[in-house]
Amino acid sequence: MSQPQTGALRSPGRARDYDVSDLGLAPQGDQRIAWAGRDMPVLSEIRQRFERELPLAGRRVGACLHVTAETANLVLTLAAGGAEVCLCASNPLSTQDPVAASLVERGIPVFARRGEDHDVYYGHIESVLATRPEITMDDGADLVSLLHQRPPEAAAEVLGSLEETTTGVIRLRAMARAGVLRFPVIAVNDAQTKHLFDNRYGTGQSTIDGLIRATNLLLAGRTLVVCGFGFCGRGLALRARGMGAQVVVTEVDPVRALEAVMEGYRVMTLEQAAPLADVVITVTGDCNVVDRRHLERLKDGCVVANSGHFNSEINLAALDSLTSRVGEARPGVAAHTLLDGRTIYLLAEGRLLNLAAAEGHPASVMDMSFSNQALATAHLARSGRELAPGVYDVPAEIDEEVARLKLASLGVDIDQLTEEQRRYLDSWEQGTD
């Protein structure tokens, strides 16, 4: 296939070629990729299998993911399986330029640059779509969404897609309900070996990492409000409490709110929590979670951040309307002096805190998430044409295989059911003698 110019930046009215390998960053990227790879043994084993079996031979894969060292290991695994992979960023602030440069040096077309503006960001997605991918891979569903804005024939070659994050799955299920989704999508985010570990332990740790890198705040003794008690919120609350913070949880789901109460957290509305908060972090996947009425009640000096996929969780327009001036308190920390004299500190432009201010999830949890991605990609290559448009779970056998391989890499053995136990569990005549 004809390849686009690697690293080409697109902006209104002009296009210029920009090869990230010219930055001389590739050696640093090589080191980062190798460092992450040493903590991704499951994906490494899958890569070796792919090299032997070539399950993706000749398949064009278009990926819109965070361009990190962990993602690079996934991309190299897909390429080892025979895929022709083209990559762009799923967030303007998450790209690690040395990693992008390293992939370009290895022959992988990459359209991403840290800090790219809105038009360049979507231009890069267009560049990936121009390669006519047969399998797409998303983190937030921007690529699939843009593809569905084109005529139906634009998706004629697409076997299917994979979605990495909660927000993207929500968007795709909405498309499926509306009857507009044109091909099958596997919700990798919903695999047990993804959301139970990546969302909880990965997001929990990496969000605290981003908060501390951005602010250098001592969390002990401070009141930290977690908006949302899904798996990401559970992990964040757990890690914040472990750092000594007084954690408050806000929720709209009564079952999750009750769970948070049972876990020992204070639960209240955000309007009640706002005057108490030293830090507010959203992890819901919704919009305007921190709205004008909450901003008006935050105390002077409160830090506000988001670790959900899009920067819509904080009503930035409302914040701007309440602001008299904005200054940079620290890199990535915008000091909003409000009309009434209070100062609110917004982190990372309201974007993904764990990637915009830190490096994202640890490689050991991404090992499971991206192993699901790799195996599910091979599954789509085999069976995509047999699936009707819709959102599908990761096949149970893939989920279980990833767990088994992860346990083996940790040197952990588990028991096996005996035939007698299997027969007992399959029988309706259970009971005591």
Protein backbone atom coordinates (compact mmCIF):
# COMPACT_ATOMS: atom_id res chain seq x y z
CA MET A 1 0.00 0.00 0.00
CA SER A 2 1.10 3.57 -0.43
CA GLN A 3 2.33 4.98 2.87
CA PRO A 4 1.71 8.55 4.07
CA GLN A 5 4.66 10.71 4.93
CA THR A 6 5.51 9.70 8.47
CA GLY A 7 4.88 12.40 11.00
CA ALA A 8 3.18 14.74 8.52
CA LEU A 9 1.44 17.59 10.30
CA ARG A 10 -1.80 18.88 8.82
CA SER A 11 -3.18 22.33 9.54
CA PRO A 12 -5.78 24.52 7.82
CA GLY A 13 -4.56 25.98 4.54
CA ARG A 14 -1.24 24.16 4.46
CA ALA A 15 0.49 20.88 5.06
CA ARG A 16 4.14 20.42 5.79
CA ASP A 17 6.16 17.25 6.09
CA TYR A 18 7.69 16.82 9.50
CA ASP A 19 9.63 13.65 10.17
CA VAL A 20 9.95 13.18 13.91
CA SER A 21 13.07 11.09 13.38
CA ASP A 22 14.87 14.34 12.53
CA LEU A 23 14.61 15.36 16.15
CA GLY A 24 17.26 12.82 17.13
CA LEU A 25 14.98 11.43 19.82
CA ALA A 26 14.80 7.84 18.59
CA PRO A 27 17.56 6.44 20.89
CA GLN A 28 15.74 7.81 23.92
CA GLY A 29 12.52 6.29 22.61
CA ASP A 30 14.26 2.95 22.10
CA GLN A 31 15.26 2.98 25.75
CA ARG A 32 11.75 3.80 26.92
CA ILE A 33 10.23 1.07 24.77
CA ALA A 34 12.75 -1.48 26.05
CA TRP A 35 12.16 -0.42 29.67
CA ALA A 36 8.40 -0.85 29.30
CA GLY A 37 8.84 -4.11 27.40
CA ARG A 38 10.75 -5.74 30.24
CA ASP A 39 7.60 -5.41 32.37
CA MET A 40 5.25 -6.74 29.65
CA PRO A 41 6.03 -10.48 29.58
CA VAL A 42 2.59 -11.59 28.38
CA LEU A 43 2.69 -9.32 25.35
CA SER A 44 6.27 -10.47 24.69
CA GLU A 45 5.13 -14.09 24.59
CA ILE A 46 2.28 -13.18 22.25
CA ARG A 47 4.74 -11.33 20.00
CA GLN A 48 6.87 -14.46 19.72
CA ARG A 49 3.77 -16.45 18.81
CA PHE A 50 2.75 -13.84 16.24
CA GLU A 51 6.20 -13.97 14.65
CA ARG A 52 5.74 -17.70 14.09
CA GLU A 53 2.09 -17.75 13.05
CA LEU A 54 1.65 -14.35 11.29
CA PRO A 55 -2.09 -14.09 12.11
CA LEU A 56 -2.24 -10.52 10.74
CA ALA A 57 -0.29 -11.06 7.53
CA GLY A 58 -1.11 -8.27 5.07
CA ARG A 59 -3.81 -6.72 7.26
CA ARG A 60 -3.89 -2.92 7.44
CA VAL A 61 -4.37 -1.75 11.03
CA GLY A 62 -5.12 1.89 11.84
CA ALA A 63 -4.61 2.77 15.51
CA CYS A 64 -5.61 5.90 17.41
CA LEU A 65 -3.99 5.37 20.81
CA HIS A 66 -1.87 7.22 23.35
CA VAL A 67 1.62 7.20 21.82
CA THR A 68 3.54 5.85 24.79
CA ALA A 69 6.24 3.26 25.31
CA GLU A 70 3.62 0.69 26.26
CA THR A 71 1.63 1.37 23.09
CA ALA A 72 4.83 1.02 21.08
CA ASN A 73 5.20 -2.53 22.38
CA LEU A 74 1.67 -3.30 21.21
CA VAL A 75 2.30 -1.78 17.78
CA LEU A 76 5.52 -3.79 17.39
CA THR A 77 3.63 -6.94 18.36
CA LEU A 78 1.00 -6.29 15.67
CA ALA A 79 3.75 -5.64 13.13
CA ALA A 80 5.46 -8.89 14.18
CA GLY A 81 2.19 -10.63 13.35
CA GLY A 82 2.37 -9.32 9.79
CA ALA A 83 0.18 -6.23 10.10
CA GLU A 84 0.83 -2.95 8.30
CA VAL A 85 0.25 -0.56 11.20
CA CYS A 86 -0.29 3.19 11.09
CA LEU A 87 -0.58 5.10 14.38
CA CYS A 88 -1.89 8.48 15.52
CA ALA A 89 -2.48 9.95 18.97
CA SER A 90 -5.74 9.71 20.89
CA ASN A 91 -4.94 12.80 22.97
CA PRO A 92 -2.95 15.92 22.05
CA LEU A 93 -0.99 15.91 25.31
CA SER A 94 -0.22 12.21 25.76
CA THR A 95 2.32 11.67 22.98
CA GLN A 96 5.87 10.81 24.00
CA ASP A 97 7.85 12.28 21.11
CA PRO A 98 10.92 10.02 21.59
CA VAL A 99 8.65 6.97 21.32
CA ALA A 100 7.05 8.32 18.14
CA ALA A 101 10.53 8.93 16.72
CA SER A 102 11.64 5.40 17.59
CA LEU A 103 8.63 3.86 15.84
CA VAL A 104 9.26 5.97 12.75
CA GLU A 105 12.87 4.75 12.69
CA ARG A 106 11.52 1.20 12.72
CA GLY A 107 9.30 1.85 9.72
CA ILE A 108 5.96 2.40 11.49
CA PRO A 109 4.09 5.46 10.13
CA VAL A 110 3.25 7.71 13.10
CA PHE A 111 1.12 10.84 13.00
CA ALA A 112 1.53 12.41 16.42
CA ARG A 113 3.33 15.20 18.18
CA ARG A 114 2.94 16.28 21.79
CA GLY A 115 0.96 19.51 22.10
CA GLU A 116 -0.61 19.39 18.65
CA ASP A 117 -3.62 21.65 18.25
CA HIS A 118 -7.21 20.62 17.49
CA ASP A 119 -6.89 20.82 13.70
CA VAL A 120 -3.59 18.95 13.59
CA TYR A 121 -4.99 16.28 15.91
CA TYR A 122 -7.93 15.53 13.62
CA GLY A 123 -5.72 15.88 10.55
CA HIS A 124 -3.57 13.09 11.94
CA ILE A 125 -6.62 10.85 12.35
CA GLU A 126 -7.51 11.61 8.72
CA SER A 127 -3.99 10.56 7.74
CA VAL A 128 -4.49 7.18 9.39
CA LEU A 129 -7.87 6.75 7.72
CA ALA A 130 -6.22 7.54 4.38
CA THR A 131 -4.36 4.21 4.68
CA ARG A 132 -7.75 2.42 4.38
CA PRO A 133 -7.41 0.28 7.51
CA GLU A 134 -9.16 -3.09 7.62
CA ILE A 135 -9.00 -3.16 11.42
CA THR A 136 -9.15 -0.03 13.56
CA MET A 137 -8.05 0.43 17.14
CA ASP A 138 -9.31 3.29 19.29
CA ASP A 139 -8.88 4.86 22.72
CA GLY A 140 -11.93 7.10 22.98
CA ALA A 141 -13.61 6.27 19.63
CA ASP A 142 -12.42 9.39 17.80
CA LEU A 143 -11.18 7.40 14.81
CA VAL A 144 -14.36 5.35 14.50
CA SER A 145 -16.50 8.45 15.00
CA LEU A 146 -14.67 10.32 12.24
CA LEU A 147 -14.93 7.31 9.93
CA HIS A 148 -18.71 7.21 10.48
CA GLN A 149 -18.99 10.83 9.35
CA ARG A 150 -17.98 9.63 5.88
CA PRO A 151 -20.21 7.87 3.32
CA PRO A 152 -20.98 4.20 4.15
CA GLU A 153 -18.62 2.92 1.48
CA ALA A 154 -15.68 4.36 3.46
CA ALA A 155 -16.15 1.53 5.95
CA ALA A 156 -16.63 -1.22 3.35
CA GLU A 157 -13.18 -2.70 3.92
CA VAL A 158 -13.30 -2.54 7.73
CA LEU A 159 -13.50 -5.98 9.35
CA GLY A 160 -13.98 -4.47 12.77
CA SER A 161 -12.56 -2.31 15.51
CA LEU A 162 -11.30 -2.50 19.08
CA GLU A 163 -11.98 0.04 21.82
CA GLU A 164 -9.62 0.53 24.76
CA THR A 165 -11.40 2.86 27.16
CA THR A 166 -14.68 3.32 29.03
CA THR A 167 -15.56 6.58 27.29
CA GLY A 168 -15.12 5.03 23.87
CA VAL A 169 -17.29 2.03 24.75
CA ILE A 170 -20.03 4.39 25.95
CA ARG A 171 -19.92 6.25 22.62
CA LEU A 172 -19.93 3.03 20.59
CA ARG A 173 -22.82 1.48 22.49
CA ALA A 174 -24.77 4.69 21.80
CA MET A 175 -23.96 4.32 18.10
CA ALA A 176 -25.10 0.69 18.19
CA ARG A 177 -28.38 1.61 19.90
CA ALA A 178 -28.96 4.29 17.27
CA GLY A 179 -28.40 1.71 14.53
CA VAL A 180 -25.56 3.65 12.90
CA LEU A 181 -22.57 1.44 13.79
CA ARG A 182 -21.34 -0.10 10.54
CA PHE A 183 -19.09 -2.90 11.76
CA PRO A 184 -18.37 -5.03 14.84
CA VAL A 185 -16.38 -3.51 17.69
CA ILE A 186 -14.74 -5.48 20.49
CA ALA A 187 -14.93 -3.65 23.83
CA VAL A 188 -11.43 -4.44 25.08
CA ASN A 189 -12.08 -2.07 27.99
CA ASP A 190 -14.69 -4.47 29.35
CA ALA A 191 -12.40 -7.50 29.53
CA GLN A 192 -11.94 -8.53 33.14
CA THR A 193 -8.17 -8.49 32.75
CA LYS A 194 -8.50 -4.89 31.58
CA HIS A 195 -10.98 -3.04 33.75
CA LEU A 196 -10.29 -4.93 36.97
CA PHE A 197 -6.58 -4.08 36.79
CA ASP A 198 -5.78 -1.36 34.25
CA ASN A 199 -8.70 0.88 35.23
CA ARG A 200 -8.38 0.33 38.96
CA TYR A 201 -4.68 -0.06 39.67
CA GLY A 202 -3.33 1.70 36.58
CA THR A 203 -5.58 4.77 36.72
CA GLY A 204 -5.34 4.94 40.49
CA GLN A 205 -1.56 5.05 40.57
CA SER A 206 -0.95 7.10 37.43
CA THR A 207 -3.49 9.78 38.38
CA ILE A 208 -1.86 10.29 41.76
CA ASP A 209 1.48 10.35 39.93
CA GLY A 210 0.22 13.10 37.60
CA LEU A 211 -1.22 15.10 40.49
CA ILE A 212 2.01 15.04 42.45
CA ARG A 213 4.24 15.72 39.43
CA ALA A 214 2.11 18.72 38.48
CA THR A 215 1.72 20.23 41.95
CA ASN A 216 4.18 18.58 44.38
CA LEU A 217 1.35 18.67 46.93
CA LEU A 218 1.46 16.62 50.12
CA LEU A 219 -1.79 14.64 50.05
CA ALA A 220 -1.71 13.59 53.69
CA GLY A 221 -4.36 15.48 55.61
CA ARG A 222 -5.90 17.10 52.54
CA THR A 223 -9.47 16.52 51.42
CA LEU A 224 -9.50 14.92 47.96
CA VAL A 225 -12.83 14.54 46.17
CA VAL A 226 -13.17 11.68 43.66
CA CYS A 227 -16.04 12.24 41.23
CA GLY A 228 -17.18 8.80 40.10
CA PHE A 229 -16.74 5.41 41.76
CA GLY A 230 -16.37 3.14 38.76
CA PHE A 231 -13.23 1.03 38.51
CA CYS A 232 -11.10 4.11 37.81
CA GLY A 233 -12.64 6.00 40.72
CA ARG A 234 -12.21 3.02 43.03
CA GLY A 235 -8.53 2.85 42.21
CA LEU A 236 -8.00 6.58 42.61
CA ALA A 237 -9.83 6.66 45.96
CA LEU A 238 -7.81 3.69 47.21
CA ARG A 239 -4.47 5.24 46.27
CA ALA A 240 -5.40 8.69 47.62
CA ARG A 241 -6.41 7.17 50.95
CA GLY A 242 -3.14 5.28 50.98
CA MET A 243 -1.32 8.61 50.67
CA GLY A 244 -3.15 9.89 53.75
CA ALA A 245 -5.80 11.99 52.03
CA GLN A 246 -9.27 12.37 53.49
CA VAL A 247 -11.24 10.99 50.55
CA VAL A 248 -14.76 12.07 49.63
CA VAL A 249 -16.65 10.26 46.84
CA THR A 250 -19.45 11.70 44.72
CA GLU A 251 -21.68 9.46 42.61
CA VAL A 252 -24.97 9.36 40.69
CA ASP A 253 -25.32 5.56 40.81
CA PRO A 254 -26.89 4.48 44.14
CA VAL A 255 -25.24 1.04 44.10
CA ARG A 256 -21.77 2.48 43.57
CA ALA A 257 -22.44 5.18 46.16
CA LEU A 258 -23.45 2.50 48.66
CA GLU A 259 -20.30 0.54 47.84
CA ALA A 260 -18.20 3.63 48.53
CA VAL A 261 -19.95 4.06 51.90
CA MET A 262 -19.26 0.41 52.73
CA GLU A 263 -15.61 0.92 51.78
CA GLY A 264 -15.41 3.64 54.42
CA TYR A 265 -15.41 6.75 52.23
CA ARG A 266 -17.47 9.85 52.91
CA VAL A 267 -20.15 10.12 50.23
CA MET A 268 -22.06 13.30 49.43
CA THR A 269 -23.11 15.50 46.54
CA LEU A 270 -20.46 17.56 44.80
CA GLU A 271 -22.23 20.74 45.90
CA GLN A 272 -21.77 19.59 49.50
CA ALA A 273 -18.18 18.51 48.89
CA ALA A 274 -17.02 21.58 46.95
CA PRO A 275 -16.45 23.91 49.95
CA LEU A 276 -14.46 21.16 51.72
CA ALA A 277 -12.24 20.14 48.80
CA ASP A 278 -8.54 20.80 48.51
CA VAL A 279 -8.41 18.68 45.34
CA VAL A 280 -11.22 17.58 42.98
CA ILE A 281 -10.56 14.90 40.35
CA THR A 282 -13.19 13.65 37.88
CA VAL A 283 -13.19 10.08 36.51
CA THR A 284 -16.70 9.59 35.12
CA GLY A 285 -16.68 9.75 31.31
CA ASP A 286 -19.51 12.31 31.42
CA CYS A 287 -19.69 16.05 30.74
CA ASN A 288 -19.82 19.06 33.10
CA VAL A 289 -19.34 16.93 36.19
CA VAL A 290 -17.69 19.96 37.76
CA ASP A 291 -20.18 22.60 36.64
CA ARG A 292 -20.62 26.31 37.28
CA ARG A 293 -22.57 25.77 40.51
CA HIS A 294 -19.68 23.69 41.87
CA LEU A 295 -16.99 26.12 40.74
CA GLU A 296 -18.82 28.89 42.57
CA ARG A 297 -18.56 26.92 45.84
CA LEU A 298 -14.93 25.76 45.66
CA LYS A 299 -12.68 27.27 48.28
CA ASP A 300 -9.74 29.49 47.47
CA GLY A 301 -6.73 27.47 46.31
CA CYS A 302 -8.63 24.33 45.28
CA VAL A 303 -6.95 22.15 42.64
CA VAL A 304 -9.23 20.77 39.91
CA ALA A 305 -8.26 18.00 37.50
CA ASN A 306 -9.69 15.30 35.27
CA SER A 307 -8.59 11.74 34.62
CA GLY A 308 -11.47 10.83 32.31
CA HIS A 309 -10.78 10.54 28.60
CA PHE A 310 -12.14 13.89 27.37
CA ASN A 311 -11.71 17.37 28.82
CA SER A 312 -15.49 17.78 28.95
CA GLU A 313 -15.79 16.61 32.55
CA ILE A 314 -14.93 20.09 33.85
CA ASN A 315 -17.04 22.93 32.47
CA LEU A 316 -14.12 24.94 31.14
CA ALA A 317 -16.37 27.56 29.53
CA ALA A 318 -17.99 28.23 32.90
CA LEU A 319 -14.58 28.45 34.54
CA ASP A 320 -13.45 30.98 31.94
CA SER A 321 -16.59 33.06 32.47
CA LEU A 322 -15.85 33.24 36.20
CA THR A 323 -12.19 34.13 35.64
CA SER A 324 -10.67 37.60 35.66
CA ARG A 325 -7.15 36.49 34.70
CA VAL A 326 -5.12 33.31 34.13
CA GLY A 327 -1.48 32.74 34.94
CA GLU A 328 0.86 29.75 34.98
CA ALA A 329 1.63 28.75 38.55
CA ARG A 330 3.76 25.79 37.43
CA PRO A 331 4.12 23.92 34.13
CA GLY A 332 0.69 22.47 33.41
CA VAL A 333 -0.93 24.33 36.31
CA ALA A 334 -3.17 27.23 35.26
CA ALA A 335 -4.03 29.65 38.08
CA HIS A 336 -7.52 31.02 37.45
CA THR A 337 -8.07 34.15 39.52
CA LEU A 338 -11.84 34.48 39.75
CA LEU A 339 -13.91 37.64 39.70
CA ASP A 340 -14.55 37.29 43.43
CA GLY A 341 -10.84 37.01 44.24
CA ARG A 342 -10.58 33.24 44.74
CA THR A 343 -7.95 31.26 42.83
CA ILE A 344 -8.70 27.86 41.29
CA TYR A 345 -5.85 25.78 39.91
CA LEU A 346 -6.67 23.79 36.76
CA LEU A 347 -4.28 20.96 35.87
CA ALA A 348 -3.29 19.90 32.33
CA GLU A 349 -5.98 22.01 30.62
CA GLY A 350 -8.58 19.65 32.07
CA ARG A 351 -7.22 16.79 29.96
CA LEU A 352 -6.17 13.31 31.08
CA LEU A 353 -4.07 14.10 34.14
CA ASN A 354 -2.30 10.76 34.27
CA LEU A 355 -0.98 11.12 30.71
CA ALA A 356 -0.73 14.89 30.31
CA ALA A 357 1.19 15.39 33.56
CA ALA A 358 2.76 11.94 33.95
CA GLU A 359 3.46 8.86 31.80
CA GLY A 360 0.19 6.98 32.03
CA HIS A 361 -0.33 3.51 33.40
CA PRO A 362 2.54 1.29 34.52
CA ALA A 363 3.66 -1.20 31.90
CA SER A 364 2.73 -4.22 34.01
CA VAL A 365 -1.01 -3.45 33.84
CA MET A 366 -0.85 -2.35 30.20
CA ASP A 367 0.68 -5.77 29.57
CA MET A 368 -2.76 -7.30 30.15
CA SER A 369 -4.73 -4.59 28.35
CA PHE A 370 -2.57 -4.69 25.24
CA SER A 371 -2.38 -8.48 25.26
CA ASN A 372 -6.16 -8.41 25.01
CA GLN A 373 -5.83 -5.91 22.16
CA ALA A 374 -3.34 -8.09 20.28
CA LEU A 375 -5.30 -11.34 20.63
CA ALA A 376 -8.62 -9.63 19.88
CA THR A 377 -7.08 -8.11 16.74
CA ALA A 378 -6.12 -11.59 15.55
CA HIS A 379 -9.66 -12.72 16.38
CA LEU A 380 -11.14 -9.96 14.20
CA ALA A 381 -8.75 -10.82 11.37
CA ARG A 382 -10.11 -14.39 11.45
CA SER A 383 -13.77 -13.80 12.22
CA GLY A 384 -14.65 -10.15 11.62
CA ARG A 385 -16.69 -10.86 8.49
CA GLU A 386 -18.85 -13.31 10.45
CA LEU A 387 -19.91 -10.70 13.02
CA ALA A 388 -22.82 -8.30 12.55
CA PRO A 389 -22.34 -4.62 13.44
CA GLY A 390 -22.47 -4.16 17.20
CA VAL A 391 -20.38 -4.00 20.35
CA TYR A 392 -18.97 -7.33 21.52
CA ASP A 393 -17.20 -8.52 24.65
CA VAL A 394 -13.70 -9.89 24.41
CA PRO A 395 -14.11 -13.66 23.95
CA ALA A 396 -13.87 -15.35 27.36
CA GLU A 397 -11.10 -17.64 26.18
CA ILE A 398 -8.91 -14.62 25.36
CA ASP A 399 -9.57 -13.02 28.75
CA GLU A 400 -8.74 -16.27 30.53
CA GLU A 401 -5.62 -16.85 28.45
CA VAL A 402 -4.29 -13.39 29.32
CA ALA A 403 -4.90 -14.07 33.03
CA ARG A 404 -3.23 -17.47 32.79
CA LEU A 405 -0.18 -16.06 31.02
CA LYS A 406 0.07 -13.20 33.53
CA LEU A 407 -0.03 -15.60 36.47
CA ALA A 408 2.63 -17.76 34.83
CA SER A 409 4.86 -14.70 34.33
CA LEU A 410 4.52 -13.97 38.06
CA GLY A 411 5.42 -17.55 39.00
CA VAL A 412 1.96 -18.18 40.46
CA ASP A 413 0.30 -21.60 40.27
CA ILE A 414 -3.40 -22.12 40.90
CA ASP A 415 -5.53 -25.19 41.50
CA GLN A 416 -7.44 -27.02 38.79
CA LEU A 417 -10.89 -28.55 39.13
CA THR A 418 -10.96 -32.34 39.23
CA GLU A 419 -13.38 -34.20 36.97
CA GLU A 420 -15.43 -35.03 40.05
CA GLN A 421 -15.66 -31.32 40.93
CA ARG A 422 -16.65 -30.40 37.37
CA ARG A 423 -19.43 -32.99 37.38
CA TYR A 424 -20.63 -31.72 40.76
CA LEU A 425 -20.78 -28.09 39.59
CA ASP A 426 -22.60 -29.12 36.41
CA SER A 427 -25.21 -31.12 38.28
CA TRP A 428 -28.51 -29.81 39.60
CA GLU A 429 -28.68 -32.65 42.11
CA GLN A 430 -26.15 -31.11 44.47
CA GLY A 431 -26.61 -31.56 48.19
CA THR A 432 -25.42 -33.42 51.22
CA ASP A 433 -25.69 -37.14 51.79
